[in-house]
Amino acid sequence: MSIMITMPQMGYDMREGTLVKWNISVGTEISIGDVIAEIETDKAVVEFESPTKGKISKILVEAGQTVEVGKPIAIVEDGE
Protein backbone atom coordinates (compact mmCIF):
# COMPACT_ATOMS: atom_id res chain seq x y z
CA MET A 1 0.00 0.00 0.00
CA SER A 2 1.20 3.50 -0.83
CA ILE A 3 1.52 6.04 1.97
CA MET A 4 2.00 9.76 1.32
CA ILE A 5 4.48 11.61 3.49
CA THR A 6 3.40 15.24 3.67
CA MET A 7 5.08 18.49 4.63
CA PRO A 8 4.73 18.59 8.42
CA GLN A 9 3.57 21.57 10.44
CA MET A 10 6.57 22.20 12.70
CA GLY A 11 5.17 25.22 14.46
CA TYR A 12 1.79 26.74 15.18
CA ASP A 13 2.15 29.50 12.58
CA MET A 14 3.99 27.43 9.95
CA ARG A 15 2.21 27.57 6.57
CA GLU A 16 5.05 26.28 4.36
CA GLY A 17 8.54 24.87 4.62
CA THR A 18 11.58 24.54 2.40
CA LEU A 19 12.98 21.06 1.95
CA VAL A 20 16.69 21.72 2.53
CA LYS A 21 18.06 18.19 2.13
CA TRP A 22 16.87 14.60 1.75
CA ASN A 23 18.72 12.06 3.92
CA ILE A 24 17.20 9.18 1.92
CA SER A 25 16.75 8.22 -1.73
CA VAL A 26 14.32 6.10 -3.74
CA GLY A 27 14.60 2.49 -2.56
CA THR A 28 15.72 3.35 0.98
CA GLU A 29 14.03 1.31 3.74
CA ILE A 30 12.84 3.59 6.53
CA SER A 31 11.43 3.08 10.02
CA ILE A 32 9.31 5.34 12.18
CA GLY A 33 11.58 7.97 13.72
CA ASP A 34 14.35 7.82 11.09
CA VAL A 35 15.53 11.30 10.11
CA ILE A 36 14.59 11.44 6.43
CA ALA A 37 14.95 15.15 5.63
CA GLU A 38 15.88 18.60 6.86
CA ILE A 39 13.18 21.26 6.60
CA GLU A 40 13.65 25.01 6.97
CA THR A 41 10.90 26.95 8.70
CA ASP A 42 10.85 30.70 9.16
CA LYS A 43 12.85 30.23 12.37
CA ALA A 44 15.18 27.22 12.01
CA VAL A 45 16.27 24.15 10.07
CA VAL A 46 14.65 21.11 11.67
CA GLU A 47 15.23 17.37 11.20
CA PHE A 48 12.09 15.63 9.93
CA GLU A 49 11.53 12.12 11.29
CA SER A 50 9.58 9.53 9.33
CA PRO A 51 6.00 9.08 10.51
CA THR A 52 5.82 5.62 8.89
CA LYS A 53 7.87 2.60 7.84
CA GLY A 54 8.47 1.05 4.44
CA LYS A 55 10.48 1.70 1.29
CA ILE A 56 10.70 5.09 -0.39
CA SER A 57 9.14 4.63 -3.83
CA LYS A 58 9.05 8.22 -5.05
CA ILE A 59 10.39 11.61 -3.99
CA LEU A 60 7.95 14.33 -5.07
CA VAL A 61 9.85 17.44 -3.91
CA GLU A 62 13.44 18.31 -4.74
CA ALA A 63 15.83 19.90 -2.26
CA GLY A 64 15.40 23.67 -2.30
CA GLN A 65 11.67 23.63 -3.05
CA THR A 66 9.17 25.36 -0.77
CA VAL A 67 5.97 23.42 -0.09
CA GLU A 68 2.73 24.20 1.74
CA VAL A 69 2.06 22.28 4.97
CA GLY A 70 0.07 19.12 4.23
CA LYS A 71 1.18 18.75 0.60
CA PRO A 72 2.80 15.41 -0.40
CA ILE A 73 6.61 15.33 -0.47
CA ALA A 74 7.31 11.57 -0.85
CA ILE A 75 5.59 8.20 -1.30
CA VAL A 76 6.38 5.10 0.78
CA GLU A 77 5.37 1.51 0.00
CA ASP A 78 4.67 -0.36 3.22
CA GLY A 79 4.71 -3.84 1.65
CA GLU A 80 1.03 -4.60 2.23
PDB file of N, CA and C in Angstrom:
ATOM      1  N   MET A   1       0.831  -1.173   0.000  1.00  0.00           N
ATOM      2  CA  MET A   1       0.000   0.000   0.000  1.00  0.00           C
ATOM      3  C   MET A   1       0.887   1.251   0.000  1.00  0.00           C
ATOM      4  N   SER A   2       0.467   2.237  -0.756  1.00  0.00           N
ATOM      5  CA  SER A   2       1.204   3.501  -0.827  1.00  0.00           C
ATOM      6  C   SER A   2       0.776   4.436   0.291  1.00  0.00           C
ATOM      7  N   ILE A   3       1.764   5.065   0.909  1.00  0.00           N
ATOM      8  CA  ILE A   3       1.519   6.043   1.971  1.00  0.00           C
ATOM      9  C   ILE A   3       2.194   7.347   1.563  1.00  0.00           C
ATOM     10  N   MET A   4       1.447   8.438   1.632  1.00  0.00           N
ATOM     11  CA  MET A   4       2.000   9.758   1.320  1.00  0.00           C
ATOM     12  C   MET A   4       2.635  10.342   2.575  1.00  0.00           C
ATOM     13  N   ILE A   5       3.851  10.813   2.438  1.00  0.00           N
ATOM     14  CA  ILE A   5       4.479  11.608   3.488  1.00  0.00           C
ATOM     15  C   ILE A   5       4.257  13.057   3.073  1.00  0.00           C
ATOM     16  N   THR A   6       3.726  13.848   3.991  1.00  0.00           N
ATOM     17  CA  THR A   6       3.398  15.238   3.674  1.00  0.00           C
ATOM     18  C   THR A   6       4.297  16.205   4.434  1.00  0.00           C
ATOM     19  N   MET A   7       4.327  17.444   3.943  1.00  0.00           N
ATOM     20  CA  MET A   7       5.084  18.491   4.632  1.00  0.00           C
ATOM     21  C   MET A   7       4.470  18.675   6.011  1.00  0.00           C
ATOM     22  N   PRO A   8       5.267  18.480   7.062  1.00  0.00           N
ATOM     23  CA  PRO A   8       4.727  18.592   8.417  1.00  0.00           C
ATOM     24  C   PRO A   8       4.560  20.050   8.849  1.00  0.00           C
ATOM     25  N   GLN A   9       3.700  20.250   9.824  1.00  0.00           N
ATOM     26  CA  GLN A   9       3.571  21.566  10.445  1.00  0.00           C
ATOM     27  C   GLN A   9       4.453  21.546  11.684  1.00  0.00           C
ATOM     28  N   MET A  10       5.575  22.245  11.636  1.00  0.00           N
ATOM     29  CA  MET A  10       6.570  22.200  12.701  1.00  0.00           C
ATOM     30  C   MET A  10       6.516  23.418  13.605  1.00  0.00           C
ATOM     31  N   GLY A  11       5.393  24.064  13.607  1.00  0.00           N
ATOM     32  CA  GLY A  11       5.168  25.221  14.457  1.00  0.00           C
ATOM     33  C   GLY A  11       3.755  25.707  14.234  1.00  0.00           C
ATOM     34  N   TYR A  12       3.186  26.325  15.233  1.00  0.00           N
ATOM     35  CA  TYR A  12       1.789  26.739  15.179  1.00  0.00           C
ATOM     36  C   TYR A  12       1.488  27.624  13.976  1.00  0.00           C
ATOM     37  N   ASP A  13       2.379  28.543  13.658  1.00  0.00           N
ATOM     38  CA  ASP A  13       2.150  29.500  12.577  1.00  0.00           C
ATOM     39  C   ASP A  13       2.723  29.051  11.230  1.00  0.00           C
ATOM     40  N   MET A  14       3.350  27.888  11.184  1.00  0.00           N
ATOM     41  CA  MET A  14       3.992  27.430   9.949  1.00  0.00           C
ATOM     42  C   MET A  14       2.951  27.141   8.868  1.00  0.00           C
ATOM     43  N   ARG A  15       3.114  27.765   7.717  1.00  0.00           N
ATOM     44  CA  ARG A  15       2.211  27.568   6.574  1.00  0.00           C
ATOM     45  C   ARG A  15       2.909  26.833   5.427  1.00  0.00           C
ATOM     46  N   GLU A  16       4.256  26.939   5.392  1.00  0.00           N
ATOM     47  CA  GLU A  16       5.049  26.275   4.359  1.00  0.00           C
ATOM     48  C   GLU A  16       6.450  26.044   4.891  1.00  0.00           C
ATOM     49  N   GLY A  17       7.162  25.143   4.243  1.00  0.00           N
ATOM     50  CA  GLY A  17       8.537  24.868   4.615  1.00  0.00           C
ATOM     51  C   GLY A  17       9.368  24.608   3.379  1.00  0.00           C
ATOM     52  N   THR A  18      10.658  24.816   3.498  1.00  0.00           N
ATOM     53  CA  THR A  18      11.581  24.539   2.396  1.00  0.00           C
ATOM     54  C   THR A  18      12.330  23.261   2.705  1.00  0.00           C
ATOM     55  N   LEU A  19      12.263  22.311   1.780  1.00  0.00           N
ATOM     56  CA  LEU A  19      12.984  21.064   1.953  1.00  0.00           C
ATOM     57  C   LEU A  19      14.455  21.344   1.648  1.00  0.00           C
ATOM     58  N   VAL A  20      15.274  21.369   2.669  1.00  0.00           N
ATOM     59  CA  VAL A  20      16.686  21.721   2.527  1.00  0.00           C
ATOM     60  C   VAL A  20      17.481  20.549   1.963  1.00  0.00           C
ATOM     61  N   LYS A  21      17.235  19.347   2.503  1.00  0.00           N
ATOM     62  CA  LYS A  21      18.057  18.193   2.134  1.00  0.00           C
ATOM     63  C   LYS A  21      17.298  16.905   2.433  1.00  0.00           C
ATOM     64  N   TRP A  22      17.361  15.960   1.502  1.00  0.00           N
ATOM     65  CA  TRP A  22      16.874  14.603   1.755  1.00  0.00           C
ATOM     66  C   TRP A  22      18.015  13.783   2.340  1.00  0.00           C
ATOM     67  N   ASN A  23      17.736  12.973   3.343  1.00  0.00           N
ATOM     68  CA  ASN A  23      18.720  12.057   3.915  1.00  0.00           C
ATOM     69  C   ASN A  23      18.493  10.634   3.412  1.00  0.00           C
ATOM     70  N   ILE A  24      17.550  10.484   2.487  1.00  0.00           N
ATOM     71  CA  ILE A  24      17.203   9.177   1.917  1.00  0.00           C
ATOM     72  C   ILE A  24      17.135   9.333   0.399  1.00  0.00           C
ATOM     73  N   SER A  25      16.964   8.196  -0.285  1.00  0.00           N
ATOM     74  CA  SER A  25      16.749   8.224  -1.728  1.00  0.00           C
ATOM     75  C   SER A  25      15.720   7.155  -2.066  1.00  0.00           C
ATOM     76  N   VAL A  26      15.279   7.117  -3.314  1.00  0.00           N
ATOM     77  CA  VAL A  26      14.325   6.098  -3.740  1.00  0.00           C
ATOM     78  C   VAL A  26      14.931   4.722  -3.479  1.00  0.00           C
ATOM     79  N   GLY A  27      14.142   3.836  -2.885  1.00  0.00           N
ATOM     80  CA  GLY A  27      14.599   2.487  -2.557  1.00  0.00           C
ATOM     81  C   GLY A  27      15.064   2.316  -1.125  1.00  0.00           C
ATOM     82  N   THR A  28      15.262   3.420  -0.402  1.00  0.00           N
ATOM     83  CA  THR A  28      15.715   3.352   0.984  1.00  0.00           C
ATOM     84  C   THR A  28      14.607   2.791   1.870  1.00  0.00           C
ATOM     85  N   GLU A  29      14.959   1.835   2.727  1.00  0.00           N
ATOM     86  CA  GLU A  29      14.033   1.311   3.738  1.00  0.00           C
ATOM     87  C   GLU A  29      14.082   2.257   4.929  1.00  0.00           C
ATOM     88  N   ILE A  30      12.903   2.681   5.391  1.00  0.00           N
ATOM     89  CA  ILE A  30      12.841   3.590   6.533  1.00  0.00           C
ATOM     90  C   ILE A  30      11.972   2.995   7.633  1.00  0.00           C
ATOM     91  N   SER A  31      12.225   3.449   8.854  1.00  0.00           N
ATOM     92  CA  SER A  31      11.431   3.079  10.019  1.00  0.00           C
ATOM     93  C   SER A  31      10.891   4.346  10.660  1.00  0.00           C
ATOM     94  N   ILE A  32       9.856   4.200  11.465  1.00  0.00           N
ATOM     95  CA  ILE A  32       9.311   5.341  12.183  1.00  0.00           C
ATOM     96  C   ILE A  32      10.417   5.951  13.040  1.00  0.00           C
ATOM     97  N   GLY A  33      10.579   7.262  12.936  1.00  0.00           N
ATOM     98  CA  GLY A  33      11.585   7.969  13.720  1.00  0.00           C
ATOM     99  C   GLY A  33      12.903   8.209  13.007  1.00  0.00           C
ATOM    100  N   ASP A  34      13.128   7.546  11.858  1.00  0.00           N
ATOM    101  CA  ASP A  34      14.348   7.818  11.091  1.00  0.00           C
ATOM    102  C   ASP A  34      14.321   9.253  10.577  1.00  0.00           C
ATOM    103  N   VAL A  35      15.446   9.938  10.650  1.00  0.00           N
ATOM    104  CA  VAL A  35      15.533  11.297  10.105  1.00  0.00           C
ATOM    105  C   VAL A  35      15.654  11.164   8.597  1.00  0.00           C
ATOM    106  N   ILE A  36      14.607  11.621   7.884  1.00  0.00           N
ATOM    107  CA  ILE A  36      14.593  11.443   6.434  1.00  0.00           C
ATOM    108  C   ILE A  36      14.882  12.728   5.661  1.00  0.00           C
ATOM    109  N   ALA A  37      14.733  13.879   6.330  1.00  0.00           N
ATOM    110  CA  ALA A  37      14.953  15.148   5.634  1.00  0.00           C
ATOM    111  C   ALA A  37      15.250  16.261   6.630  1.00  0.00           C
ATOM    112  N   GLU A  38      15.721  17.379   6.081  1.00  0.00           N
ATOM    113  CA  GLU A  38      15.882  18.605   6.857  1.00  0.00           C
ATOM    114  C   GLU A  38      14.968  19.642   6.234  1.00  0.00           C
ATOM    115  N   ILE A  39      14.160  20.289   7.077  1.00  0.00           N
ATOM    116  CA  ILE A  39      13.180  21.261   6.604  1.00  0.00           C
ATOM    117  C   ILE A  39      13.442  22.601   7.274  1.00  0.00           C
ATOM    118  N   GLU A  40      13.441  23.656   6.449  1.00  0.00           N
ATOM    119  CA  GLU A  40      13.648  25.007   6.969  1.00  0.00           C
ATOM    120  C   GLU A  40      12.297  25.676   7.175  1.00  0.00           C
ATOM    121  N   THR A  41      12.082  26.157   8.386  1.00  0.00           N
ATOM    122  CA  THR A  41      10.898  26.952   8.699  1.00  0.00           C
ATOM    123  C   THR A  41      11.336  28.413   8.705  1.00  0.00           C
ATOM    124  N   ASP A  42      10.451  29.298   9.106  1.00  0.00           N
ATOM    125  CA  ASP A  42      10.854  30.705   9.156  1.00  0.00           C
ATOM    126  C   ASP A  42      11.807  30.997  10.306  1.00  0.00           C
ATOM    127  N   LYS A  43      12.009  30.010  11.201  1.00  0.00           N
ATOM    128  CA  LYS A  43      12.855  30.232  12.374  1.00  0.00           C
ATOM    129  C   LYS A  43      14.099  29.353  12.453  1.00  0.00           C
ATOM    130  N   ALA A  44      14.061  28.160  11.836  1.00  0.00           N
ATOM    131  CA  ALA A  44      15.183  27.224  12.009  1.00  0.00           C
ATOM    132  C   ALA A  44      15.139  26.125  10.953  1.00  0.00           C
ATOM    133  N   VAL A  45      16.236  25.372  10.868  1.00  0.00           N
ATOM    134  CA  VAL A  45      16.268  24.151  10.072  1.00  0.00           C
ATOM    135  C   VAL A  45      16.071  22.994  11.047  1.00  0.00           C
ATOM    136  N   VAL A  46      15.074  22.156  10.755  1.00  0.00           N
ATOM    137  CA  VAL A  46      14.654  21.109  11.672  1.00  0.00           C
ATOM    138  C   VAL A  46      14.752  19.749  10.985  1.00  0.00           C
ATOM    139  N   GLU A  47      15.208  18.742  11.734  1.00  0.00           N
ATOM    140  CA  GLU A  47      15.229  17.374  11.205  1.00  0.00           C
ATOM    141  C   GLU A  47      13.801  16.836  11.187  1.00  0.00           C
ATOM    142  N   PHE A  48      13.419  16.203  10.077  1.00  0.00           N
ATOM    143  CA  PHE A  48      12.088  15.628   9.933  1.00  0.00           C
ATOM    144  C   PHE A  48      12.194  14.116  10.046  1.00  0.00           C
ATOM    145  N   GLU A  49      11.513  13.564  11.044  1.00  0.00           N
ATOM    146  CA  GLU A  49      11.527  12.124  11.285  1.00  0.00           C
ATOM    147  C   GLU A  49      10.362  11.454  10.566  1.00  0.00           C
ATOM    148  N   SER A  50      10.608  10.270  10.053  1.00  0.00           N
ATOM    149  CA  SER A  50       9.581   9.530   9.329  1.00  0.00           C
ATOM    150  C   SER A  50       8.403   9.191  10.239  1.00  0.00           C
ATOM    151  N   PRO A  51       7.180   9.443   9.750  1.00  0.00           N
ATOM    152  CA  PRO A  51       5.996   9.077  10.511  1.00  0.00           C
ATOM    153  C   PRO A  51       5.526   7.651  10.213  1.00  0.00           C
ATOM    154  N   THR A  52       6.245   6.951   9.317  1.00  0.00           N
ATOM    155  CA  THR A  52       5.822   5.623   8.891  1.00  0.00           C
ATOM    156  C   THR A  52       7.033   4.753   8.576  1.00  0.00           C
ATOM    157  N   LYS A  53       6.776   3.488   8.246  1.00  0.00           N
ATOM    158  CA  LYS A  53       7.872   2.600   7.839  1.00  0.00           C
ATOM    159  C   LYS A  53       7.572   2.040   6.459  1.00  0.00           C
ATOM    160  N   GLY A  54       8.615   1.612   5.781  1.00  0.00           N
ATOM    161  CA  GLY A  54       8.469   1.047   4.442  1.00  0.00           C
ATOM    162  C   GLY A  54       9.648   1.414   3.571  1.00  0.00           C
ATOM    163  N   LYS A  55       9.427   1.380   2.261  1.00  0.00           N
ATOM    164  CA  LYS A  55      10.476   1.698   1.289  1.00  0.00           C
ATOM    165  C   LYS A  55      10.058   2.930   0.498  1.00  0.00           C
ATOM    166  N   ILE A  56      10.980   3.883   0.384  1.00  0.00           N
ATOM    167  CA  ILE A  56      10.703   5.092  -0.393  1.00  0.00           C
ATOM    168  C   ILE A  56      10.540   4.697  -1.858  1.00  0.00           C
ATOM    169  N   SER A  57       9.363   4.977  -2.432  1.00  0.00           N
ATOM    170  CA  SER A  57       9.137   4.631  -3.831  1.00  0.00           C
ATOM    171  C   SER A  57       9.214   5.838  -4.758  1.00  0.00           C
ATOM    172  N   LYS A  58       8.963   7.030  -4.212  1.00  0.00           N
ATOM    173  CA  LYS A  58       9.048   8.219  -5.047  1.00  0.00           C
ATOM    174  C   LYS A  58       9.276   9.450  -4.177  1.00  0.00           C
ATOM    175  N   ILE A  59      10.164  10.320  -4.623  1.00  0.00           N
ATOM    176  CA  ILE A  59      10.390  11.614  -3.985  1.00  0.00           C
ATOM    177  C   ILE A  59       9.713  12.651  -4.872  1.00  0.00           C
ATOM    178  N   LEU A  60       8.771  13.396  -4.303  1.00  0.00           N
ATOM    179  CA  LEU A  60       7.954  14.332  -5.066  1.00  0.00           C
ATOM    180  C   LEU A  60       8.471  15.760  -5.041  1.00  0.00           C
ATOM    181  N   VAL A  61       9.353  16.083  -4.089  1.00  0.00           N
ATOM    182  CA  VAL A  61       9.854  17.443  -3.910  1.00  0.00           C
ATOM    183  C   VAL A  61      11.375  17.402  -3.884  1.00  0.00           C
ATOM    184  N   GLU A  62      11.977  18.228  -4.696  1.00  0.00           N
ATOM    185  CA  GLU A  62      13.436  18.309  -4.737  1.00  0.00           C
ATOM    186  C   GLU A  62      13.952  19.233  -3.643  1.00  0.00           C
ATOM    187  N   ALA A  63      15.186  19.010  -3.236  1.00  0.00           N
ATOM    188  CA  ALA A  63      15.826  19.901  -2.261  1.00  0.00           C
ATOM    189  C   ALA A  63      15.794  21.327  -2.804  1.00  0.00           C
ATOM    190  N   GLY A  64      15.474  22.263  -1.925  1.00  0.00           N
ATOM    191  CA  GLY A  64      15.404  23.667  -2.303  1.00  0.00           C
ATOM    192  C   GLY A  64      13.997  24.159  -2.583  1.00  0.00           C
ATOM    193  N   GLN A  65      13.048  23.239  -2.764  1.00  0.00           N
ATOM    194  CA  GLN A  65      11.674  23.633  -3.048  1.00  0.00           C
ATOM    195  C   GLN A  65      10.919  23.985  -1.767  1.00  0.00           C
ATOM    196  N   THR A  66      10.041  24.969  -1.871  1.00  0.00           N
ATOM    197  CA  THR A  66       9.167  25.358  -0.771  1.00  0.00           C
ATOM    198  C   THR A  66       7.790  24.756  -1.026  1.00  0.00           C
ATOM    199  N   VAL A  67       7.217  24.163   0.035  1.00  0.00           N
ATOM    200  CA  VAL A  67       5.968  23.419  -0.092  1.00  0.00           C
ATOM    201  C   VAL A  67       5.025  23.812   1.039  1.00  0.00           C
ATOM    202  N   GLU A  68       3.738  23.914   0.726  1.00  0.00           N
ATOM    203  CA  GLU A  68       2.729  24.197   1.742  1.00  0.00           C
ATOM    204  C   GLU A  68       2.599  23.025   2.701  1.00  0.00           C
ATOM    205  N   VAL A  69       2.314  23.307   3.965  1.00  0.00           N
ATOM    206  CA  VAL A  69       2.056  22.275   4.967  1.00  0.00           C
ATOM    207  C   VAL A  69       0.915  21.388   4.473  1.00  0.00           C
ATOM    208  N   GLY A  70       1.094  20.078   4.616  1.00  0.00           N
ATOM    209  CA  GLY A  70       0.065  19.120   4.233  1.00  0.00           C
ATOM    210  C   GLY A  70       0.168  18.598   2.815  1.00  0.00           C
ATOM    211  N   LYS A  71       1.002  19.207   1.979  1.00  0.00           N
ATOM    212  CA  LYS A  71       1.178  18.745   0.599  1.00  0.00           C
ATOM    213  C   LYS A  71       2.133  17.555   0.578  1.00  0.00           C
ATOM    214  N   PRO A  72       1.927  16.589  -0.320  1.00  0.00           N
ATOM    215  CA  PRO A  72       2.798  15.409  -0.397  1.00  0.00           C
ATOM    216  C   PRO A  72       4.231  15.773  -0.788  1.00  0.00           C
ATOM    217  N   ILE A  73       5.198  15.110  -0.121  1.00  0.00           N
ATOM    218  CA  ILE A  73       6.608  15.327  -0.467  1.00  0.00           C
ATOM    219  C   ILE A  73       7.292  14.018  -0.882  1.00  0.00           C
ATOM    220  N   ALA A  74       6.722  12.869  -0.480  1.00  0.00           N
ATOM    221  CA  ALA A  74       7.307  11.573  -0.851  1.00  0.00           C
ATOM    222  C   ALA A  74       6.237  10.498  -0.718  1.00  0.00           C
ATOM    223  N   ILE A  75       6.488   9.352  -1.386  1.00  0.00           N
ATOM    224  CA  ILE A  75       5.593   8.199  -1.296  1.00  0.00           C
ATOM    225  C   ILE A  75       6.381   7.014  -0.776  1.00  0.00           C
ATOM    226  N   VAL A  76       5.776   6.288   0.169  1.00  0.00           N
ATOM    227  CA  VAL A  76       6.382   5.105   0.777  1.00  0.00           C
ATOM    228  C   VAL A  76       5.490   3.898   0.490  1.00  0.00           C
ATOM    229  N   GLU A  77       6.102   2.777   0.134  1.00  0.00           N
ATOM    230  CA  GLU A  77       5.370   1.512  -0.001  1.00  0.00           C
ATOM    231  C   GLU A  77       5.601   0.729   1.280  1.00  0.00           C
ATOM    232  N   ASP A  78       4.529   0.339   1.938  1.00  0.00           N
ATOM    233  CA  ASP A  78       4.670  -0.362   3.223  1.00  0.00           C
ATOM    234  C   ASP A  78       4.699  -1.875   3.085  1.00  0.00           C
ATOM    235  N   GLY A  79       4.600  -2.394   1.865  1.00  0.00           N
ATOM    236  CA  GLY A  79       4.712  -3.840   1.651  1.00  0.00           C
ATOM    237  C   GLY A  79       3.414  -4.601   1.805  1.00  0.00           C
ATOM    238  N   GLU A  80       2.329  -3.915   2.073  1.00  0.00           N
ATOM    239  CA  GLU A  80       1.032  -4.603   2.225  1.00  0.00           C
ATOM    240  C   GLU A  80       0.230  -4.522   0.957  1.00  0.00           C
TER     241      GLU A  80
END
